[in-house]
Amino acid sequence: MIQKNGFTLIEVIVVMAVFLFVIGAALGIFISIILQQRNILAQMELLNEVSYIQEYVSKGMRMAAKDLNGDCLGSDYAGWSYLLTKPNSDTSSSNHNFYMGIKFLNQSELNKKNEPTCEEIYLDTDGVLRETKDGASDGTLPIPLSSSKYIINSIRFGIDGYTGSSVSGPIGDQDSSYFVSPPQAKITILMNVGLIGNTQVPAMNLQTTVSQRNIGMQNY
């Protein structure tokens, strides 16, 4: 009698189980690598976004000129270089009572009157950093400086080492020396930026200090 060699049903099931396990493990590793690569790319995009905002904001603020007439900052603030604006009134926020905006005369960008542009940079309620020029007197809408893919969770401006608190900081304090920006005033920006819809990429914190350029600076 001739015996035929072959696999039993149990052996086939075991082989298939091992094969599926190996394929599943390999597929899991492959998916994990793809997700990790995607998160790395998202972090790079977030870093590029933060770097762009930092560079754009810093460039304008370095070229701020003193507003001698108060045409930009207001008559009560004539002679200032910067004015903190948009105090955070959200009591649930860690940045409660800190200013989320700053206004200044940008002498590197001239308006239609051939005068420095009055700029205000501020965090809007939707988490987008925006900019207005000359108070949008020509009817133009505020310009978004951050992409809709990202959200700025918080931003805080300070002047010359003062935190920017509306309670005890540069604005609202009785010491008038806080209000006068000395030569080459320094603006500190604290910002937290996150990626919308991706909780795997942690929000990025940014702190930078911008020194007002004093060389060749004019007063207006």
Protein backbone atom coordinates (compact mmCIF):
# COMPACT_ATOMS: atom_id res chain seq x y z
CA MET A 1 0.00 0.00 0.00
CA ILE A 2 1.36 3.36 -1.06
CA GLN A 3 1.20 6.19 1.53
CA LYS A 4 0.67 9.76 0.29
CA ASN A 5 2.56 12.46 2.20
CA GLY A 6 0.70 15.73 2.87
CA PHE A 7 -0.37 18.25 5.48
CA THR A 8 -3.09 17.75 7.93
CA LEU A 9 -5.76 20.39 8.42
CA ILE A 10 -4.27 21.35 11.79
CA GLU A 11 -0.83 21.85 10.25
CA VAL A 12 -2.29 24.06 7.52
CA ILE A 13 -4.15 26.16 10.11
CA VAL A 14 -0.98 26.58 12.20
CA VAL A 15 1.08 27.61 9.16
CA MET A 16 -1.57 30.11 8.09
CA ALA A 17 -1.78 31.50 11.63
CA VAL A 18 1.99 32.01 11.77
CA PHE A 19 1.97 33.54 8.29
CA LEU A 20 -0.83 35.96 9.18
CA PHE A 21 0.93 36.87 12.44
CA VAL A 22 4.16 37.70 10.60
CA ILE A 23 2.29 39.70 7.95
CA GLY A 24 0.27 41.53 10.63
CA ALA A 25 3.39 42.39 12.62
CA ALA A 26 5.17 43.64 9.52
CA LEU A 27 2.12 45.65 8.48
CA GLY A 28 1.81 47.15 11.98
CA ILE A 29 5.46 48.21 11.92
CA PHE A 30 5.02 49.69 8.44
CA ILE A 31 1.93 51.68 9.50
CA SER A 32 3.73 52.86 12.64
CA ILE A 33 6.66 54.12 10.54
CA ILE A 34 4.29 55.93 8.19
CA LEU A 35 2.46 57.61 11.08
CA GLN A 36 5.73 58.57 12.73
CA GLN A 37 7.02 60.01 9.47
CA ARG A 38 3.77 61.93 9.04
CA ASN A 39 4.09 63.38 12.53
CA ILE A 40 7.70 64.36 11.87
CA LEU A 41 6.65 66.17 8.70
CA ALA A 42 3.82 67.87 10.60
CA GLN A 43 6.29 69.00 13.27
CA MET A 44 8.54 70.41 10.56
CA GLU A 45 5.60 72.28 9.05
CA LEU A 46 4.68 73.61 12.49
CA LEU A 47 8.27 74.75 13.02
CA ASN A 48 8.24 76.50 9.63
CA GLU A 49 4.97 78.21 10.55
CA VAL A 50 6.35 79.42 13.88
CA SER A 51 9.59 80.56 12.23
CA TYR A 52 7.67 82.53 9.60
CA ILE A 53 5.51 84.27 12.19
CA GLN A 54 8.56 85.03 14.32
CA GLU A 55 10.50 86.48 11.39
CA TYR A 56 7.60 88.54 10.02
CA VAL A 57 6.61 90.03 13.37
CA SER A 58 10.21 90.69 14.39
CA LYS A 59 11.04 92.45 11.14
CA GLY A 60 8.29 95.03 11.56
CA MET A 61 8.83 95.65 15.26
CA ARG A 62 12.56 96.19 14.85
CA MET A 63 11.81 99.16 12.61
CA ALA A 64 9.32 100.83 14.95
CA ALA A 65 9.60 104.62 15.23
CA LYS A 66 8.44 106.85 18.06
CA ASP A 67 4.95 108.21 17.45
CA LEU A 68 5.61 111.77 18.60
CA ASN A 69 2.18 113.10 17.59
CA GLY A 70 0.17 110.11 18.76
CA ASP A 71 -1.41 109.70 15.31
CA CYS A 72 -1.02 105.93 15.49
CA LEU A 73 -0.99 105.03 19.18
CA GLY A 74 -3.30 107.80 20.36
CA SER A 75 -2.72 111.25 21.80
CA ASP A 76 -2.39 109.84 25.31
CA TYR A 77 0.60 107.80 24.16
CA ALA A 78 2.46 110.41 22.10
CA GLY A 79 6.20 109.75 22.22
CA TRP A 80 5.85 105.99 22.64
CA SER A 81 7.27 103.44 20.25
CA TYR A 82 4.91 100.60 21.15
CA LEU A 83 1.48 100.23 22.66
CA LEU A 84 0.23 96.92 24.08
CA THR A 85 -3.36 96.16 23.05
CA LYS A 86 -6.06 93.47 23.31
CA PRO A 87 -5.96 92.49 27.00
CA ASN A 88 -7.11 88.90 27.51
CA SER A 89 -10.41 89.00 29.42
CA ASP A 90 -10.90 85.21 29.48
CA THR A 91 -10.71 84.30 33.17
CA SER A 92 -10.25 80.61 32.33
CA SER A 93 -7.09 81.33 30.36
CA SER A 94 -3.61 81.10 31.87
CA ASN A 95 -2.90 84.34 30.00
CA HIS A 96 -5.75 86.20 31.67
CA ASN A 97 -4.98 89.94 32.00
CA PHE A 98 -2.04 89.73 29.61
CA TYR A 99 -1.94 91.67 26.36
CA MET A 100 -2.43 89.72 23.13
CA GLY A 101 -1.67 92.58 20.72
CA ILE A 102 0.86 95.28 19.99
CA LYS A 103 0.67 98.46 17.91
CA PHE A 104 3.54 100.47 16.46
CA LEU A 105 4.70 102.67 13.57
CA ASN A 106 6.59 100.59 11.01
CA GLN A 107 8.98 102.94 9.25
CA SER A 108 10.15 100.21 6.86
CA GLU A 109 6.71 100.18 5.21
CA LEU A 110 5.26 103.47 3.97
CA ASN A 111 1.57 104.07 3.33
CA LYS A 112 -0.07 106.09 0.54
CA LYS A 113 0.86 109.32 2.32
CA ASN A 114 4.51 108.26 2.24
CA GLU A 115 4.45 107.93 6.02
CA PRO A 116 5.26 104.93 8.24
CA THR A 117 2.41 102.45 8.42
CA CYS A 118 0.54 102.15 11.69
CA GLU A 119 0.44 98.41 12.33
CA GLU A 120 -1.32 96.33 14.94
CA ILE A 121 -0.54 92.63 15.38
CA TYR A 122 -2.91 90.69 17.60
CA LEU A 123 -4.35 87.26 18.35
CA ASP A 124 -7.95 87.00 17.18
CA THR A 125 -10.66 85.02 18.96
CA ASP A 126 -10.38 82.18 16.42
CA GLY A 127 -6.74 81.52 17.30
CA VAL A 128 -5.38 83.24 14.18
CA LEU A 129 -2.70 85.92 14.40
CA ARG A 130 -3.80 88.93 12.37
CA GLU A 131 -2.43 92.28 11.30
CA THR A 132 -4.16 95.57 10.52
CA LYS A 133 -2.51 98.49 8.78
CA ASP A 134 -3.46 102.11 9.45
CA GLY A 135 -6.49 100.90 11.37
CA ALA A 136 -7.93 99.41 8.15
CA SER A 137 -9.05 102.94 7.29
CA ASP A 138 -9.08 102.05 3.59
CA GLY A 139 -11.61 99.28 4.19
CA THR A 140 -9.15 96.41 3.93
CA LEU A 141 -9.72 93.40 6.17
CA PRO A 142 -7.18 92.28 8.77
CA ILE A 143 -4.45 90.13 7.24
CA PRO A 144 -4.03 86.62 8.70
CA LEU A 145 -0.40 85.91 9.54
CA SER A 146 -0.91 82.28 10.57
CA SER A 147 -2.33 79.44 8.50
CA SER A 148 -5.77 77.97 9.11
CA LYS A 149 -4.05 74.59 9.65
CA TYR A 150 -2.61 75.84 12.91
CA ILE A 151 -4.03 77.44 16.02
CA ILE A 152 -2.26 79.87 18.30
CA ASN A 153 -3.38 78.78 21.74
CA SER A 154 -1.90 81.80 23.46
CA ILE A 155 0.30 84.83 22.87
CA ARG A 156 1.70 87.40 25.26
CA PHE A 157 3.63 90.60 24.60
CA GLY A 158 5.93 92.34 27.08
CA ILE A 159 8.11 95.45 26.92
CA ASP A 160 11.61 95.91 28.35
CA GLY A 161 11.41 92.98 30.76
CA TYR A 162 7.91 93.74 32.02
CA THR A 163 5.47 90.89 31.59
CA GLY A 164 2.72 92.80 29.80
CA SER A 165 0.10 92.32 32.50
CA SER A 166 -2.78 94.78 32.32
CA VAL A 167 -2.88 94.67 36.11
CA SER A 168 0.75 95.31 37.04
CA GLY A 169 2.67 95.54 33.78
CA PRO A 170 3.67 98.34 31.42
CA ILE A 171 0.10 99.53 30.81
CA GLY A 172 -2.05 100.35 33.83
CA ASP A 173 0.90 100.98 36.15
CA GLN A 174 1.22 104.39 37.78
CA ASP A 175 4.98 104.55 37.18
CA SER A 176 5.25 106.59 34.00
CA SER A 177 8.77 105.32 33.39
CA TYR A 178 7.19 102.03 32.30
CA PHE A 179 5.41 103.82 29.50
CA VAL A 180 8.38 105.51 27.87
CA SER A 181 10.18 103.19 25.50
CA PRO A 182 13.92 103.91 25.83
CA PRO A 183 16.32 103.70 22.87
CA GLN A 184 16.32 100.21 21.42
CA ALA A 185 13.32 99.02 23.38
CA LYS A 186 13.01 95.24 23.70
CA ILE A 187 9.79 93.36 22.99
CA THR A 188 9.33 89.85 24.37
CA ILE A 189 6.86 87.52 22.65
CA LEU A 190 5.58 84.33 24.28
CA MET A 191 3.52 82.11 22.00
CA ASN A 192 2.07 78.59 21.98
CA VAL A 193 1.18 77.16 18.55
CA GLY A 194 -0.51 73.84 17.81
CA LEU A 195 -1.65 71.84 14.80
CA ILE A 196 -5.42 71.61 14.32
CA GLY A 197 -6.80 68.06 14.25
CA ASN A 198 -3.56 66.29 15.17
CA THR A 199 -3.17 65.54 18.87
CA GLN A 200 -0.06 63.43 18.20
CA VAL A 201 2.00 66.53 17.42
CA PRO A 202 2.58 68.54 20.61
CA ALA A 203 2.03 72.28 20.58
CA MET A 204 5.20 74.30 20.21
CA ASN A 205 6.25 77.05 22.61
CA LEU A 206 8.09 80.07 21.30
CA GLN A 207 9.80 82.83 23.21
CA THR A 208 11.72 85.51 21.40
CA THR A 209 12.98 88.99 22.19
CA VAL A 210 13.09 91.67 19.52
CA SER A 211 15.39 94.65 19.96
CA GLN A 212 14.27 97.91 18.41
CA ARG A 213 16.73 99.06 15.78
CA ASN A 214 18.10 102.44 16.74
CA ILE A 215 20.51 103.07 13.88
CA GLY A 216 19.09 105.72 11.55
CA MET A 217 15.77 105.63 13.39
CA GLN A 218 13.47 108.56 12.77
CA ASN A 219 10.74 110.08 14.90
CA TYR A 220 7.29 110.93 13.52
